[in-house]
């Protein structure tokens, strides 16, 4: 028998559902609630303990299907996610590998709920734009970024211009992927 770690006693419970569409049908549970430990220094046994929390969103399945052929197949095709519970409980789709923060921005765009989207400020990083682009590419819905893409990229470039460390750690391949996806 192998070692099974006990669950963290400080692990928070998942927060209440965010109604992206109050009349929506499926619930999307995005991310995984888990402990995150960051070591302090390369040889230190000390670590910072924090948590990542999964978020649940009520969405409109038809809005999702219109925005993405992947979602259309997932919700209305022959995928496990398209099976409605027979016991009358909520229709739940679990996306453990996606970022709740990024998915909320994508859902805000799809449902025209711009009040749910954080403001994109000067100083925002290329990483944020890249993460959003990766999620929309994963679900074949990068076209929803067209209204925002030029402003976001201009903001990232403008806010980092003149800095020697402007794009430190970002590879040319990131820019190529973004350019292709957002054209």
Protein backbone atom coordinates (compact mmCIF):
# COMPACT_ATOMS: atom_id res chain seq x y z
CA UNK A 1 0.00 0.00 0.00
CA UNK A 2 1.28 3.45 -0.93
CA UNK A 3 1.24 6.61 1.11
CA UNK A 4 -1.94 8.64 0.76
CA UNK A 5 -1.65 12.20 2.06
CA UNK A 6 -4.49 13.38 4.25
CA UNK A 7 -6.55 16.28 2.96
CA UNK A 8 -5.57 19.72 4.10
CA UNK A 9 -7.63 20.69 7.17
CA UNK A 10 -7.59 24.32 5.98
CA UNK A 11 -8.90 23.61 2.47
CA UNK A 12 -11.76 26.04 1.82
CA UNK A 13 -15.13 24.85 0.58
CA UNK A 14 -16.06 25.80 -2.94
CA UNK A 15 -17.84 29.17 -3.09
CA UNK A 16 -21.41 29.63 -4.23
CA UNK A 17 -22.35 29.49 -7.90
CA UNK A 18 -21.82 32.64 -9.98
CA UNK A 19 -24.81 33.22 -12.25
CA UNK A 20 -23.30 34.29 -15.56
CA UNK A 21 -26.81 33.63 -16.92
CA UNK A 22 -29.40 33.36 -14.15
CA UNK A 23 -31.72 31.50 -16.49
CA UNK A 24 -28.96 29.20 -17.74
CA UNK A 25 -29.10 25.47 -17.65
CA UNK A 26 -25.70 23.83 -17.10
CA UNK A 27 -23.31 24.53 -14.27
CA UNK A 28 -19.60 24.67 -15.15
CA UNK A 29 -17.28 23.73 -12.32
CA UNK A 30 -13.95 25.19 -13.37
CA UNK A 31 -10.61 24.35 -11.79
CA UNK A 32 -9.78 22.14 -8.83
CA UNK A 33 -9.76 23.14 -5.18
CA UNK A 34 -6.33 22.22 -3.87
CA UNK A 35 -3.38 23.23 -1.73
CA UNK A 36 -0.49 25.06 -3.31
CA UNK A 37 2.86 25.08 -1.58
CA UNK A 38 5.68 27.33 -2.69
CA UNK A 39 9.15 26.69 -1.31
CA UNK A 40 11.08 29.67 -0.01
CA UNK A 41 14.51 29.43 -1.56
CA UNK A 42 16.07 26.44 -3.24
CA UNK A 43 17.21 24.65 -0.09
CA UNK A 44 14.62 25.83 2.42
CA UNK A 45 12.21 23.41 4.05
CA UNK A 46 9.89 26.33 4.75
CA UNK A 47 7.01 26.93 2.39
CA UNK A 48 4.09 29.27 1.85
CA UNK A 49 0.81 27.39 1.97
CA UNK A 50 -2.14 28.73 0.01
CA UNK A 51 -5.17 27.38 -1.82
CA UNK A 52 -6.59 27.45 -5.32
CA UNK A 53 -10.38 27.25 -5.34
CA UNK A 54 -12.62 25.84 -8.07
CA UNK A 55 -15.48 28.12 -9.14
CA UNK A 56 -18.92 27.15 -10.41
CA UNK A 57 -20.75 29.19 -13.04
CA UNK A 58 -24.34 28.92 -14.29
CA UNK A 59 -24.27 29.50 -18.04
CA UNK A 60 -26.54 29.32 -21.08
CA UNK A 61 -25.79 26.16 -23.04
CA UNK A 62 -27.07 27.77 -26.26
CA UNK A 63 -24.76 30.78 -25.88
CA UNK A 64 -21.85 28.41 -25.32
CA UNK A 65 -22.81 26.32 -28.38
CA UNK A 66 -23.12 29.43 -30.58
CA UNK A 67 -19.69 30.65 -29.51
CA UNK A 68 -17.85 27.35 -29.89
CA UNK A 69 -18.19 24.24 -32.04
CA UNK A 70 -16.37 22.35 -29.28
CA UNK A 71 -18.97 23.41 -26.71
CA UNK A 72 -21.75 22.58 -29.17
CA UNK A 73 -20.46 19.01 -29.50
CA UNK A 74 -19.73 18.76 -25.80
CA UNK A 75 -23.16 19.94 -24.64
CA UNK A 76 -25.38 18.64 -27.44
CA UNK A 77 -23.35 15.79 -28.96
CA UNK A 78 -22.36 12.37 -27.73
CA UNK A 79 -20.07 13.45 -24.92
CA UNK A 80 -20.51 12.59 -21.25
CA UNK A 81 -21.11 16.31 -20.58
CA UNK A 82 -24.29 16.25 -22.69
CA UNK A 83 -26.05 13.74 -20.45
CA UNK A 84 -28.64 15.41 -18.25
CA UNK A 85 -29.10 13.93 -14.76
CA UNK A 86 -32.24 11.84 -14.45
CA UNK A 87 -32.69 12.60 -10.76
CA UNK A 88 -33.57 16.26 -11.36
CA UNK A 89 -30.27 17.59 -10.05
CA UNK A 90 -28.33 20.33 -11.83
CA UNK A 91 -26.62 19.60 -15.15
CA UNK A 92 -22.94 19.78 -14.18
CA UNK A 93 -19.95 20.02 -16.51
CA UNK A 94 -16.57 19.71 -14.80
CA UNK A 95 -13.49 21.42 -16.25
CA UNK A 96 -10.74 20.66 -13.70
CA UNK A 97 -7.84 21.76 -15.91
CA UNK A 98 -9.08 25.26 -16.76
CA UNK A 99 -8.39 28.45 -14.82
CA UNK A 100 -11.51 29.85 -13.11
CA UNK A 101 -10.24 33.45 -13.47
CA UNK A 102 -9.59 33.09 -17.20
CA UNK A 103 -12.82 31.15 -17.80
CA UNK A 104 -14.84 33.90 -16.10
CA UNK A 105 -13.46 36.41 -18.60
CA UNK A 106 -14.32 34.10 -21.50
CA UNK A 107 -17.83 33.48 -20.14
CA UNK A 108 -18.32 37.23 -19.69
CA UNK A 109 -17.55 37.72 -23.38
CA UNK A 110 -19.78 34.86 -24.55
CA UNK A 111 -22.75 36.00 -22.45
CA UNK A 112 -22.22 39.76 -22.96
CA UNK A 113 -21.72 40.08 -19.18
CA UNK A 114 -18.94 42.62 -19.35
CA UNK A 115 -19.56 43.54 -15.71
CA UNK A 116 -18.03 40.17 -14.78
CA UNK A 117 -14.83 40.88 -16.66
CA UNK A 118 -11.98 42.57 -14.80
CA UNK A 119 -10.81 45.81 -16.33
CA UNK A 120 -7.74 45.38 -18.49
CA UNK A 121 -5.37 47.98 -17.06
CA UNK A 122 -2.11 49.46 -18.25
CA UNK A 123 0.59 47.21 -16.91
CA UNK A 124 -1.36 44.04 -17.63
CA UNK A 125 0.94 41.31 -18.69
CA UNK A 126 1.34 39.38 -21.86
CA UNK A 127 0.69 36.30 -19.71
CA UNK A 128 -2.92 37.37 -19.10
CA UNK A 129 -3.59 37.89 -22.81
CA UNK A 130 -1.82 34.64 -23.62
CA UNK A 131 -3.85 32.65 -21.02
CA UNK A 132 -7.14 33.96 -22.42
CA UNK A 133 -6.02 33.13 -25.96
CA UNK A 134 -5.05 29.59 -24.93
CA UNK A 135 -8.48 28.90 -23.40
CA UNK A 136 -10.37 30.31 -26.37
CA UNK A 137 -8.14 28.31 -28.73
CA UNK A 138 -8.77 25.13 -26.72
CA UNK A 139 -12.52 25.53 -27.27
CA UNK A 140 -12.15 26.79 -30.88
CA UNK A 141 -13.61 30.19 -30.06
CA UNK A 142 -10.74 32.64 -30.49
CA UNK A 143 -12.99 34.72 -32.75
CA UNK A 144 -14.73 36.09 -29.63
CA UNK A 145 -11.52 38.02 -28.83
CA UNK A 146 -11.63 40.13 -32.01
CA UNK A 147 -13.19 43.23 -30.36
CA UNK A 148 -10.61 43.26 -27.54
CA UNK A 149 -7.43 41.88 -29.12
CA UNK A 150 -6.05 45.09 -30.68
CA UNK A 151 -6.58 47.12 -27.50
CA UNK A 152 -5.14 44.41 -25.26
CA UNK A 153 -2.02 43.94 -27.35
CA UNK A 154 -1.52 47.69 -27.72
CA UNK A 155 -1.92 48.09 -23.95
CA UNK A 156 0.61 45.37 -23.22
CA UNK A 157 3.11 46.78 -25.70
CA UNK A 158 2.59 50.42 -24.60
CA UNK A 159 2.81 49.65 -20.90
CA UNK A 160 6.03 47.69 -21.39
CA UNK A 161 7.74 49.97 -23.91
CA UNK A 162 11.00 51.48 -22.78
CA UNK A 163 11.60 48.77 -20.21
CA UNK A 164 14.69 46.59 -20.51
CA UNK A 165 12.66 43.81 -18.89
CA UNK A 166 9.55 44.47 -20.99
CA UNK A 167 9.06 40.96 -22.23
CA UNK A 168 11.58 39.05 -20.15
CA UNK A 169 10.65 35.39 -20.03
CA UNK A 170 8.32 35.62 -23.04
CA UNK A 171 9.44 33.88 -26.14
CA UNK A 172 8.96 34.93 -29.70
CA UNK A 173 6.76 31.86 -30.05
CA UNK A 174 4.22 33.41 -27.62
CA UNK A 175 3.93 36.44 -29.89
CA UNK A 176 3.62 34.23 -32.99
CA UNK A 177 0.82 32.16 -31.40
CA UNK A 178 -1.00 35.33 -30.29
CA UNK A 179 -0.56 36.98 -33.67
CA UNK A 180 -1.90 33.98 -35.58
CA UNK A 181 -4.79 33.44 -33.17
CA UNK A 182 -5.89 37.05 -33.05
CA UNK A 183 -5.60 37.98 -36.74
